[in-house]
Protein backbone atom coordinates (compact mmCIF):
# COMPACT_ATOMS: atom_id res chain seq x y z
CA MET A 1 -7.56 -23.16 -22.52
CA LYS A 2 -5.60 -20.45 -20.71
CA PRO A 3 -2.74 -21.43 -18.39
CA THR A 4 -3.17 -20.86 -14.65
CA LEU A 5 -1.36 -18.18 -12.68
CA LEU A 6 -1.26 -18.76 -8.93
CA VAL A 7 -1.50 -15.53 -6.90
CA LEU A 8 -0.55 -15.52 -3.22
CA GLU A 9 -2.29 -12.61 -1.46
CA GLN A 10 -1.53 -11.89 2.17
CA TYR A 11 -4.73 -10.04 3.15
CA GLY A 12 -8.36 -10.99 2.53
CA TRP A 13 -9.58 -7.41 2.92
CA GLN A 14 -9.42 -4.36 0.68
CA GLY A 15 -6.33 -2.14 0.84
CA GLY A 16 -3.79 -0.41 -1.36
CA ALA A 17 -1.88 -3.56 -2.33
CA GLN A 18 -5.16 -5.29 -3.16
CA ARG A 19 -6.22 -2.43 -5.44
CA VAL A 20 -2.88 -2.78 -7.22
CA LEU A 21 -3.41 -6.53 -7.52
CA ASN A 22 -6.68 -5.83 -9.29
CA CYS A 23 -4.61 -3.96 -11.90
CA VAL A 24 -2.27 -6.96 -12.19
CA ILE A 25 -5.25 -9.22 -12.86
CA GLU A 26 -6.66 -6.81 -15.44
CA ALA A 27 -3.26 -6.64 -17.17
CA LEU A 28 -2.95 -10.44 -17.45
CA LYS A 29 -6.53 -11.69 -17.78
CA SER A 30 -6.24 -12.16 -21.56
CA THR A 31 -3.36 -14.61 -21.00
CA PHE A 32 -4.09 -16.41 -17.72
CA GLU A 33 -6.77 -17.91 -15.55
CA PHE A 34 -6.23 -17.03 -11.89
CA LEU A 35 -6.25 -18.95 -8.65
CA VAL A 36 -5.80 -16.59 -5.69
CA VAL A 37 -4.77 -18.08 -2.35
CA PHE A 38 -5.41 -16.22 0.93
CA PRO A 39 -4.64 -16.94 4.59
CA GLU A 40 -8.19 -15.84 5.49
CA ASP A 41 -11.44 -14.78 3.88
CA GLY A 42 -12.54 -11.16 3.63
CA SER A 43 -14.04 -8.42 1.51
CA PHE A 44 -11.35 -8.58 -1.18
CA ALA A 45 -11.64 -12.35 -1.55
CA GLU A 46 -15.41 -11.96 -1.81
CA ALA A 47 -15.04 -9.28 -4.49
CA LEU A 48 -12.82 -11.58 -6.56
CA ARG A 49 -15.34 -14.40 -6.34
CA ARG A 50 -18.06 -12.09 -7.57
CA ARG A 51 -15.86 -11.53 -10.64
CA GLN A 52 -15.67 -15.32 -11.15
CA ILE A 53 -12.04 -15.50 -10.00
CA GLU A 54 -11.29 -18.66 -8.06
CA THR A 55 -10.04 -18.34 -4.48
CA ALA A 56 -8.58 -20.80 -1.99
CA PHE A 57 -7.30 -20.63 1.59
CA LEU A 58 -4.26 -22.00 3.40
CA PRO A 59 -3.47 -21.61 7.13
CA LEU A 60 -0.50 -19.25 6.94
CA GLY A 61 -1.70 -17.66 10.18
CA SER A 62 -2.42 -14.20 11.53
CA TYR A 63 -0.15 -11.27 10.82
CA ARG A 64 -0.20 -8.15 12.95
CA PRO A 65 1.38 -4.78 12.11
CA GLY A 66 4.62 -3.61 13.70
CA GLN A 67 7.19 -5.59 15.64
CA LYS A 68 6.42 -9.31 15.90
CA SER A 69 6.82 -11.29 19.10
CA TRP A 70 9.27 -14.19 19.33
CA SER A 71 6.37 -16.66 19.49
CA GLU A 72 4.88 -15.22 16.29
CA MET A 73 8.22 -15.43 14.49
CA LEU A 74 8.83 -19.00 15.68
CA ALA A 75 5.36 -20.07 14.53
CA PHE A 76 5.76 -18.42 11.13
CA GLY A 77 8.57 -20.77 10.02
CA PRO A 78 6.74 -24.10 10.45
CA ARG A 79 3.53 -22.62 9.00
CA SER A 80 5.42 -21.40 5.94
CA LEU A 81 6.99 -24.83 5.41
CA TYR A 82 3.60 -26.50 5.72
CA CYS A 83 2.01 -24.05 3.29
CA ALA A 84 4.92 -24.48 0.87
CA GLY A 85 4.18 -28.19 0.71
CA ARG A 86 0.47 -27.59 0.18
CA LEU A 87 1.20 -24.98 -2.50
CA ALA A 88 3.62 -27.31 -4.31
CA ALA A 89 0.93 -30.00 -4.43
CA LEU A 90 -1.59 -27.43 -5.69
CA ILE A 91 0.81 -26.21 -8.40
CA VAL A 92 1.27 -29.73 -9.72
CA LYS A 93 -2.41 -30.67 -9.46
CA ARG A 94 -3.63 -27.52 -11.23
CA ASN A 95 -0.69 -27.35 -13.64
CA VAL A 96 0.11 -23.80 -12.54
CA GLU A 97 2.61 -22.14 -14.86
CA LEU A 98 3.67 -19.12 -12.78
CA VAL A 99 3.48 -17.99 -9.14
CA TYR A 100 2.80 -14.33 -8.30
CA ILE A 101 3.65 -13.47 -4.67
CA ASN A 102 1.87 -10.25 -3.69
CA GLY A 103 3.70 -9.22 -0.54
CA PRO A 104 6.37 -10.58 1.84
CA ARG A 105 4.11 -12.62 4.10
CA TRP A 106 3.75 -15.36 1.47
CA LEU A 107 7.31 -15.01 0.15
CA PRO A 108 9.08 -17.90 1.96
CA ALA A 109 6.29 -20.39 1.23
CA GLY A 110 5.68 -19.18 -2.32
CA ALA A 111 9.32 -19.02 -3.34
CA LEU A 112 9.99 -22.50 -1.95
CA ALA A 113 6.93 -24.02 -3.61
CA ALA A 114 7.88 -22.49 -6.97
CA ARG A 115 11.44 -23.82 -6.69
CA LEU A 116 10.26 -27.30 -5.71
CA THR A 117 7.98 -27.45 -8.75
CA HIS A 118 10.41 -25.66 -11.13
CA ARG A 119 8.00 -22.83 -11.85
CA PRO A 120 8.99 -19.20 -12.33
CA SER A 121 7.84 -16.75 -9.67
CA VAL A 122 7.37 -12.99 -9.29
CA PHE A 123 7.61 -11.23 -5.93
CA HIS A 124 5.77 -7.89 -5.67
CA LEU A 125 7.09 -5.67 -2.86
CA HIS A 126 4.61 -2.99 -1.71
CA LEU A 127 6.53 -1.56 1.25
CA THR A 128 9.87 -0.27 2.43
CA LEU A 129 11.80 -2.74 4.56
CA HIS A 130 13.10 -0.78 7.55
CA ARG A 131 13.89 -3.47 10.12
CA ARG A 132 17.22 -5.22 9.67
CA ALA A 133 15.94 -8.72 10.46
CA GLU A 134 12.94 -8.26 8.18
CA ALA A 135 15.12 -7.00 5.31
CA TRP A 136 17.49 -9.95 5.73
CA LEU A 137 14.67 -12.51 5.70
CA VAL A 138 12.90 -10.99 2.70
CA SER A 139 16.09 -10.54 0.64
CA HIS A 140 17.17 -14.10 1.45
CA ALA A 141 13.83 -15.53 0.31
CA ALA A 142 13.67 -13.18 -2.71
CA ARG A 143 16.86 -14.76 -4.09
CA ARG A 144 14.76 -17.85 -4.83
CA THR A 145 12.31 -15.93 -7.01
CA SER A 146 12.66 -15.33 -10.74
CA SER A 147 11.78 -11.63 -10.79
CA ILE A 148 10.95 -8.83 -8.36
CA ALA A 149 8.61 -5.87 -8.83
CA ALA A 150 8.89 -2.99 -6.36
CA CYS A 151 6.30 -0.26 -5.81
CA SER A 152 8.95 2.49 -5.70
CA ALA A 153 12.68 3.03 -6.03
CA THR A 154 12.84 3.44 -2.24
CA ALA A 155 11.21 0.05 -1.68
CA ALA A 156 13.56 -1.55 -4.21
CA ARG A 157 16.65 -0.12 -2.52
CA SER A 158 15.49 -1.33 0.89
CA LEU A 159 15.54 -4.85 -0.55
CA THR A 160 18.64 -4.76 -2.74
CA ARG A 161 20.76 -2.91 -0.16
CA GLY A 162 21.04 -6.13 1.81
CA ASP A 163 21.86 -8.23 -1.26
CA PRO A 164 23.17 -6.42 -4.37
CA ARG A 165 22.70 -9.61 -6.38
CA LEU A 166 18.98 -8.86 -6.41
CA ILE A 167 19.47 -5.66 -8.43
CA THR A 168 19.55 -7.46 -11.78
CA LYS A 169 16.13 -9.02 -11.30
CA THR A 170 14.37 -6.10 -9.60
CA ARG A 171 12.25 -3.63 -11.51
CA VAL A 172 10.40 -0.60 -10.21
CA LEU A 173 6.72 -0.61 -11.17
CA TYR A 174 5.23 2.43 -9.50
CA SER A 175 1.87 1.67 -7.93
CA PRO A 176 -0.70 3.28 -10.22
CA LEU A 177 -3.16 6.02 -9.48
CA ILE A 178 -6.53 4.28 -9.27
CA GLU A 179 -9.27 6.85 -9.01
CA GLU A 180 -11.89 4.50 -7.63
CA ALA A 181 -11.47 1.18 -5.88
CA ASN A 182 -12.55 -1.88 -7.83
CA GLY A 183 -15.20 -4.09 -6.32
CA ALA A 184 -18.50 -3.53 -4.62
CA GLY A 185 -19.40 -0.57 -2.47
CA VAL A 186 -21.89 2.24 -2.77
CA PRO A 187 -20.39 5.67 -2.09
CA ARG A 188 -21.61 7.09 1.18
CA PRO A 189 -22.58 10.78 1.26
CA LEU A 190 -20.22 13.24 2.85
CA PRO A 191 -20.90 13.91 6.52
CA PRO A 192 -23.44 16.76 6.89
CA ALA A 193 -20.88 19.08 8.48
CA LEU A 194 -18.87 19.05 5.25
CA ASP A 195 -21.89 19.67 3.06
CA GLU A 196 -23.30 22.67 4.87
CA ASP A 197 -20.23 24.60 6.06
CA ARG A 198 -17.06 25.02 3.98
CA ARG A 199 -14.61 25.42 6.81
CA LEU A 200 -10.90 24.60 6.54
CA THR A 201 -10.61 20.83 6.22
CA VAL A 202 -7.54 18.74 7.02
CA GLY A 203 -7.76 15.21 5.63
CA PHE A 204 -6.19 11.83 6.29
CA VAL A 205 -6.75 8.75 4.12
CA GLY A 206 -5.42 5.32 5.01
CA ARG A 207 -5.49 2.41 7.37
CA VAL A 208 -6.06 3.30 11.00
CA THR A 209 -2.89 1.83 12.44
CA GLU A 210 -0.24 3.34 14.70
CA ALA A 211 2.49 3.45 12.05
CA LYS A 212 0.38 5.94 10.07
CA GLY A 213 0.85 8.53 12.84
CA ILE A 214 -2.73 9.77 13.13
CA HIS A 215 -2.15 10.62 16.80
CA VAL A 216 0.67 12.95 15.72
CA LEU A 217 -1.80 14.77 13.46
CA LEU A 218 -4.34 15.16 16.26
CA LYS A 219 -1.68 16.38 18.68
CA ALA A 220 -0.47 18.91 16.07
CA VAL A 221 -4.03 20.24 15.74
CA THR A 222 -4.09 20.97 19.48
CA ARG A 223 -1.00 23.18 18.98
CA LEU A 224 -2.67 25.42 16.41
CA PRO A 225 -3.76 28.94 17.44
CA ALA A 226 -7.23 28.96 18.98
CA GLU A 227 -8.77 31.11 16.23
CA LEU A 228 -7.49 28.74 13.55
CA ARG A 229 -8.55 25.65 15.46
CA GLU A 230 -12.04 27.12 15.72
CA ARG A 231 -12.39 27.12 11.90
CA LEU A 232 -10.85 23.69 11.45
CA GLN A 233 -12.30 20.24 10.85
CA VAL A 234 -10.36 16.99 10.51
CA LEU A 235 -11.67 14.39 8.07
CA LEU A 236 -10.33 10.89 8.82
CA VAL A 237 -11.07 8.36 6.06
CA GLY A 238 -10.11 4.80 6.90
CA GLU A 239 -10.58 2.06 9.44
CA PRO A 240 -8.57 -0.57 11.33
CA ALA A 241 -7.59 -3.70 9.46
CA PRO A 242 -10.26 -6.37 9.92
CA GLY A 243 -9.19 -8.84 12.56
CA SER A 244 -6.36 -6.67 13.91
CA ALA A 245 -6.68 -6.27 17.68
CA GLN A 246 -3.75 -3.82 17.62
CA ASP A 247 -5.47 -1.56 15.08
CA ARG A 248 -8.76 -1.67 17.00
CA ALA A 249 -6.98 -0.74 20.22
CA TYR A 250 -5.23 2.14 18.44
CA HIS A 251 -8.54 3.38 17.03
CA ALA A 252 -10.08 3.33 20.52
CA ARG A 253 -7.05 5.21 21.85
CA LEU A 254 -7.46 7.87 19.16
CA ARG A 255 -11.10 8.35 20.13
CA SER A 256 -10.11 8.67 23.77
CA CYS A 257 -7.35 11.18 22.98
CA ALA A 258 -9.69 13.23 20.79
CA ALA A 259 -12.10 13.55 23.71
CA ALA A 260 -9.35 14.36 26.19
CA TRP A 261 -7.84 17.01 23.89
CA GLY A 262 -11.18 18.69 23.17
CA LEU A 263 -11.28 17.65 19.52
CA ASP A 264 -14.49 15.62 19.50
CA ASP A 265 -16.43 18.26 17.59
CA LYS A 266 -13.57 18.79 15.13
CA ILE A 267 -13.17 15.24 13.84
CA LEU A 268 -15.33 13.50 11.26
CA TRP A 269 -14.72 9.74 11.35
CA ALA A 270 -15.68 8.65 7.82
CA GLY A 271 -14.55 5.01 8.04
CA TYR A 272 -13.61 3.00 4.96
CA GLN A 273 -14.73 4.51 1.66
CA ALA A 274 -14.57 2.70 -1.68
CA HIS A 275 -15.15 5.94 -3.59
CA LEU A 276 -12.84 8.68 -2.40
CA ALA A 277 -13.23 11.53 -4.92
CA PRO A 278 -15.88 13.45 -2.89
CA TYR A 279 -13.66 13.27 0.18
CA TYR A 280 -10.57 14.61 -1.56
CA SER A 281 -12.67 17.38 -3.04
CA ALA A 282 -13.65 18.44 0.49
CA MET A 283 -10.03 18.75 1.68
CA ASP A 284 -7.87 21.86 1.81
CA VAL A 285 -4.80 19.77 2.65
CA LEU A 286 -4.01 16.07 3.07
CA VAL A 287 -1.71 15.04 5.91
CA ALA A 288 0.34 11.82 5.71
CA PRO A 289 2.15 11.76 9.09
CA SER A 290 3.67 8.27 8.68
CA LEU A 291 6.05 7.22 11.45
CA LEU A 292 7.73 4.51 9.36
CA PRO A 293 9.01 4.72 5.78
CA GLU A 294 6.27 4.09 3.22
CA GLY A 295 6.75 2.16 0.00
CA LEU A 296 4.55 4.52 -2.00
CA HIS A 297 1.62 6.35 -0.40
CA LEU A 298 -1.36 5.93 -2.74
CA GLY A 299 -3.40 8.46 -0.76
CA ILE A 300 -0.83 11.13 -1.63
CA LEU A 301 -1.09 10.35 -5.35
CA GLU A 302 -4.88 10.45 -5.19
CA ALA A 303 -4.92 13.75 -3.31
CA MET A 304 -2.51 15.38 -5.75
CA HIS A 305 -4.59 14.15 -8.67
CA HIS A 306 -7.46 16.15 -7.16
CA GLY A 307 -5.26 19.22 -6.68
CA VAL A 308 -4.94 18.81 -2.91
CA PRO A 309 -1.59 19.91 -1.40
CA VAL A 310 0.09 17.49 0.98
CA ILE A 311 1.95 17.71 4.27
CA ALA A 312 3.87 14.49 4.77
CA SER A 313 6.70 12.82 6.65
CA ARG A 314 10.15 13.25 5.17
CA SER A 315 10.91 9.55 4.67
CA GLY A 316 10.60 6.54 2.41
CA GLY A 317 8.78 6.55 -0.91
CA ILE A 318 6.98 9.76 0.05
CA LEU A 319 10.12 11.60 -1.11
CA GLU A 320 9.52 10.28 -4.64
CA THR A 321 6.25 12.20 -4.89
CA VAL A 322 6.27 15.13 -2.45
CA ARG A 323 8.65 18.01 -3.19
CA ASP A 324 8.95 20.45 -0.32
CA GLY A 325 7.56 23.83 -1.28
CA VAL A 326 6.48 22.65 -4.75
CA ASN A 327 3.47 20.36 -4.24
CA GLY A 328 3.49 20.06 -0.48
CA LEU A 329 5.50 20.42 2.70
CA LEU A 330 7.74 17.85 4.40
CA VAL A 331 8.24 17.41 8.14
CA SER A 332 10.23 14.99 10.27
CA PRO A 333 8.29 11.83 11.23
CA GLY A 334 6.68 12.13 14.66
CA ASP A 335 7.45 15.86 15.03
CA GLU A 336 4.10 17.30 16.12
CA ARG A 337 5.53 20.82 16.49
CA ALA A 338 6.84 20.89 12.93
CA LEU A 339 3.55 19.45 11.66
CA ALA A 340 1.58 22.14 13.52
CA LEU A 341 3.74 24.88 11.98
CA ALA A 342 3.31 23.40 8.50
CA LEU A 343 -0.46 23.18 8.99
CA GLU A 344 -0.58 26.80 10.14
CA ARG A 345 1.41 27.93 7.08
CA VAL A 346 -0.86 26.14 4.63
CA LEU A 347 -4.17 26.89 6.30
CA THR A 348 -3.56 30.60 6.88
CA CYS A 349 -2.14 31.41 3.44
CA SER A 350 -4.51 30.88 0.53
CA SER A 351 -1.84 31.83 -2.01
CA LEU A 352 0.49 29.12 -0.67
CA ARG A 353 -2.34 26.58 -0.85
CA ALA A 354 -3.03 27.58 -4.45
CA GLN A 355 0.66 27.34 -5.35
CA LEU A 356 1.02 23.88 -3.79
CA ALA A 357 -2.26 22.73 -5.35
CA GLN A 358 -0.99 23.71 -8.79
CA GLY A 359 2.24 21.83 -8.14
CA ALA A 360 0.25 18.80 -7.01
CA LEU A 361 -1.72 18.70 -10.26
CA THR A 362 1.51 18.45 -12.29
CA THR A 363 3.05 15.71 -10.11
CA VAL A 364 1.04 12.67 -11.16
CA ASP A 365 2.75 11.89 -14.46
CA ASP A 366 2.93 8.78 -16.65
CA ARG A 367 5.01 6.93 -14.06
CA PHE A 368 1.83 6.46 -12.05
CA SER A 369 -0.66 5.73 -14.82
CA VAL A 370 -2.61 2.50 -14.88
CA GLU A 371 -1.51 1.79 -18.45
CA THR A 372 2.18 2.25 -17.62
CA PHE A 373 1.77 -0.15 -14.71
CA LYS A 374 -0.12 -2.76 -16.75
CA ARG A 375 2.47 -2.61 -19.51
CA GLY A 376 5.26 -3.15 -16.99
CA VAL A 377 3.46 -6.10 -15.38
CA ARG A 378 2.94 -7.74 -18.76
CA GLU A 379 6.61 -7.30 -19.62
CA VAL A 380 7.77 -8.86 -16.35
CA VAL A 381 5.34 -11.79 -16.34
CA LEU A 382 5.20 -12.68 -20.02
CA LYS A 383 8.97 -12.76 -20.23
CA LEU A 384 8.96 -15.46 -17.55
CA HIS A 385 6.04 -17.22 -19.19
CA SER A 386 7.93 -17.75 -22.45
CA PRO A 387 9.18 -21.32 -22.96
CA VAL A 388 12.87 -20.40 -22.59
CA ALA A 389 12.35 -18.34 -19.42
CA SER A 390 10.02 -20.89 -17.85
CA ALA A 391 12.54 -23.67 -18.34
CA GLY A 392 15.38 -21.83 -16.66
CA CYS A 393 13.50 -19.43 -14.37
CA THR A 394 15.87 -16.63 -15.36
CA VAL A 395 15.56 -12.95 -16.06
CA ASN A 396 17.36 -10.77 -18.58
CA PRO A 397 19.27 -8.37 -16.30
CA GLU A 398 19.39 -5.66 -18.97
CA GLU A 399 15.59 -5.50 -19.20
CA SER A 400 14.61 -5.90 -15.57
CA THR A 401 16.62 -3.69 -13.26
CA VAL A 402 16.12 -1.28 -10.42
CA ARG A 403 15.21 2.02 -12.00
CA PRO A 404 15.34 5.38 -10.21
């Protein structure tokens, strides 16, 4: 009988980190049975159950994007302690051998439960920590884990900067390029406007949330010359996070701004898409106007894989994939003027688009392959699963370090 690996997943719905977790499960399924714990149900939890993977739920509470209120932060502590106790009991009852913490929301509860039950634990960081208080809390809790996997060198540095002692147990495992999302979902056809008229298409792929800067993109479009704007269409692929009132309000605000700025007939709202290849194929350029530092933008990797040049914010893990003038253009976060100028350069010069597209095709190397990622996950987890490592919950610092 296979041993049990307890996975703590912070969102019940499908997203980038959940697609990466699917790769983790695929990498380890020959060794472990899985029990995945969520704070709420959703499409991702349902997809796992359809694959005969056991799920459970604990009341960790809601988690909104952006700055948290004092009441939310005060409530998070007691909830984490309560969940840590429940998790510790579950670990003992199910004889769990290792705890995999997929994101910072579960980190305090998961790290404490693993320590209380003397089990090794892995913390997977999928974002760049940019707020001082957040970085302090996460690095403090991460000290109690056995090993840390970071989605990019930028994400790793945001964690280890606050506590250099974490360097020896942190390893960069670049999030892999996954061409199609795992799980259910029938691909929807492209909107008719894209099928019948090959105009210039600017694309965005990602969660509809304010930190992604979609409003900056729309404002930049209004700054383009009238003759260029006339030929342009904007393809927005994504939707608000389920259950997020903040994301829903932002989405409504975008719709209102689009109408006020005369862009209604220029925007195609595609919603969430499980199969993205047809949408990337329709784009002349992908824009990633993130306002906050990203860990690693999977949409950028996917676009480059399809030969789509990128215009992106000059910050965070984006700088590990986008090289200005080689495979895309970089602009300052939130600078709608600079973004408009970059869009005009790319959209009015077919030779520049071709040059950047060729650079994009050569960017996605073995660092971002699924097999490289799976091999790295197996190395991190199976080292902890060995009898010696499990007893001491230690990591060989020479084999598991922050890598550029």
